[in-house]
Amino acid sequence: MIKFAGTALLLTALALPVVLFLLLKVRLGLSGFVAATISIAVGWVLNVAWAFVTARDPSQGYGDVLSIAAYFGWACPTVLVVLTWLVASP
């Protein structure tokens, strides 16, 4: 069950920032910077949640993923949101 929850959180952490950015920018009309900041923050929180779930499973053997996710969990959502911003900009 922990492995399924970790996989679901990781996939959500990859997809939700992009979808959220597009929804905030297009539907609500927020500026690109505000929409990107909110989307990246949500992605970071989901990455930390994934690391927390993964760290609880001793069979994974990932070491100290929680501190790595806390420090660098913003990087992947940032890249995804910036690429979406560049592609979706008129």
Protein backbone atom coordinates (compact mmCIF):
# COMPACT_ATOMS: atom_id res chain seq x y z
CA MET A 1 0.00 0.00 0.00
CA ILE A 2 2.87 2.37 0.78
CA LYS A 3 4.43 1.72 -2.63
CA PHE A 4 1.12 2.54 -4.37
CA ALA A 5 0.70 5.73 -2.33
CA GLY A 6 4.25 6.78 -3.13
CA THR A 7 3.77 6.19 -6.85
CA ALA A 8 0.46 8.06 -6.86
CA LEU A 9 2.01 11.01 -5.02
CA LEU A 10 4.99 11.11 -7.36
CA LEU A 11 2.81 11.09 -10.47
CA THR A 12 0.58 13.76 -8.96
CA ALA A 13 3.66 15.83 -8.07
CA LEU A 14 4.70 15.71 -11.72
CA ALA A 15 1.33 16.42 -13.31
CA LEU A 16 -0.47 18.75 -10.89
CA PRO A 17 1.89 21.75 -11.12
CA VAL A 18 1.47 21.87 -14.91
CA VAL A 19 -2.31 21.51 -14.78
CA LEU A 20 -2.61 23.97 -11.91
CA PHE A 21 -0.43 26.52 -13.71
CA LEU A 22 -2.59 26.33 -16.82
CA LEU A 23 -5.81 26.60 -14.81
CA LEU A 24 -4.59 29.55 -12.74
CA LYS A 25 -3.23 31.41 -15.74
CA VAL A 26 -6.00 30.77 -18.25
CA ARG A 27 -9.15 30.37 -16.14
CA LEU A 28 -8.49 32.77 -13.29
CA GLY A 29 -6.39 35.23 -15.27
CA LEU A 30 -3.56 35.42 -12.76
CA SER A 31 -0.23 36.76 -13.93
CA GLY A 32 2.28 34.19 -15.07
CA PHE A 33 4.60 34.77 -12.15
CA VAL A 34 1.89 34.34 -9.50
CA ALA A 35 0.47 31.24 -11.20
CA ALA A 36 3.96 29.75 -11.52
CA THR A 37 4.81 30.46 -7.89
CA ILE A 38 1.64 28.80 -6.62
CA SER A 39 2.11 25.81 -8.93
CA ILE A 40 5.75 25.32 -7.95
CA ALA A 41 4.87 25.53 -4.25
CA VAL A 42 2.18 22.87 -4.65
CA GLY A 43 4.63 20.66 -6.55
CA TRP A 44 7.24 21.09 -3.82
CA VAL A 45 4.73 20.12 -1.12
CA LEU A 46 3.77 17.00 -3.07
CA ASN A 47 7.44 16.06 -3.54
CA VAL A 48 8.02 16.37 0.20
CA ALA A 49 4.89 14.28 0.84
CA TRP A 50 6.22 11.63 -1.55
CA ALA A 51 9.55 11.60 0.26
CA PHE A 52 7.78 11.29 3.62
CA VAL A 53 5.76 8.30 2.41
CA THR A 54 8.80 6.72 0.80
CA ALA A 55 10.99 7.21 3.86
CA ARG A 56 8.46 5.31 5.98
CA ASP A 57 8.96 2.16 3.86
CA PRO A 58 12.16 0.46 5.07
CA SER A 59 12.29 -1.88 2.07
CA GLN A 60 13.00 1.04 -0.29
CA GLY A 61 16.43 1.86 1.11
CA TYR A 62 16.57 5.40 -0.28
CA GLY A 63 18.57 6.91 2.56
CA ASP A 64 17.72 10.46 3.53
CA VAL A 65 15.25 11.34 0.78
CA LEU A 66 13.19 13.58 3.04
CA SER A 67 15.91 16.18 3.51
CA ILE A 68 16.82 16.03 -0.18
CA ALA A 69 13.19 16.60 -1.14
CA ALA A 70 12.90 19.44 1.35
CA TYR A 71 15.89 21.22 -0.18
CA PHE A 72 15.54 20.34 -3.86
CA GLY A 73 11.88 19.31 -4.27
CA TRP A 74 11.19 22.62 -6.01
CA ALA A 75 13.52 21.89 -8.94
CA CYS A 76 11.40 19.47 -10.96
CA PRO A 77 8.14 21.45 -10.62
CA THR A 78 10.06 24.60 -11.60
CA VAL A 79 11.37 23.03 -14.79
CA LEU A 80 7.96 21.63 -15.70
CA VAL A 81 6.13 24.90 -15.04
CA VAL A 82 8.71 27.02 -16.90
CA LEU A 83 8.57 24.71 -19.91
CA THR A 84 4.76 24.85 -19.83
CA TRP A 85 4.92 28.63 -19.56
CA LEU A 86 7.20 28.85 -22.58
CA VAL A 87 5.09 26.48 -24.67
CA ALA A 88 1.72 27.95 -23.65
CA SER A 89 2.69 31.60 -24.07
CA PRO A 90 1.26 33.26 -27.16
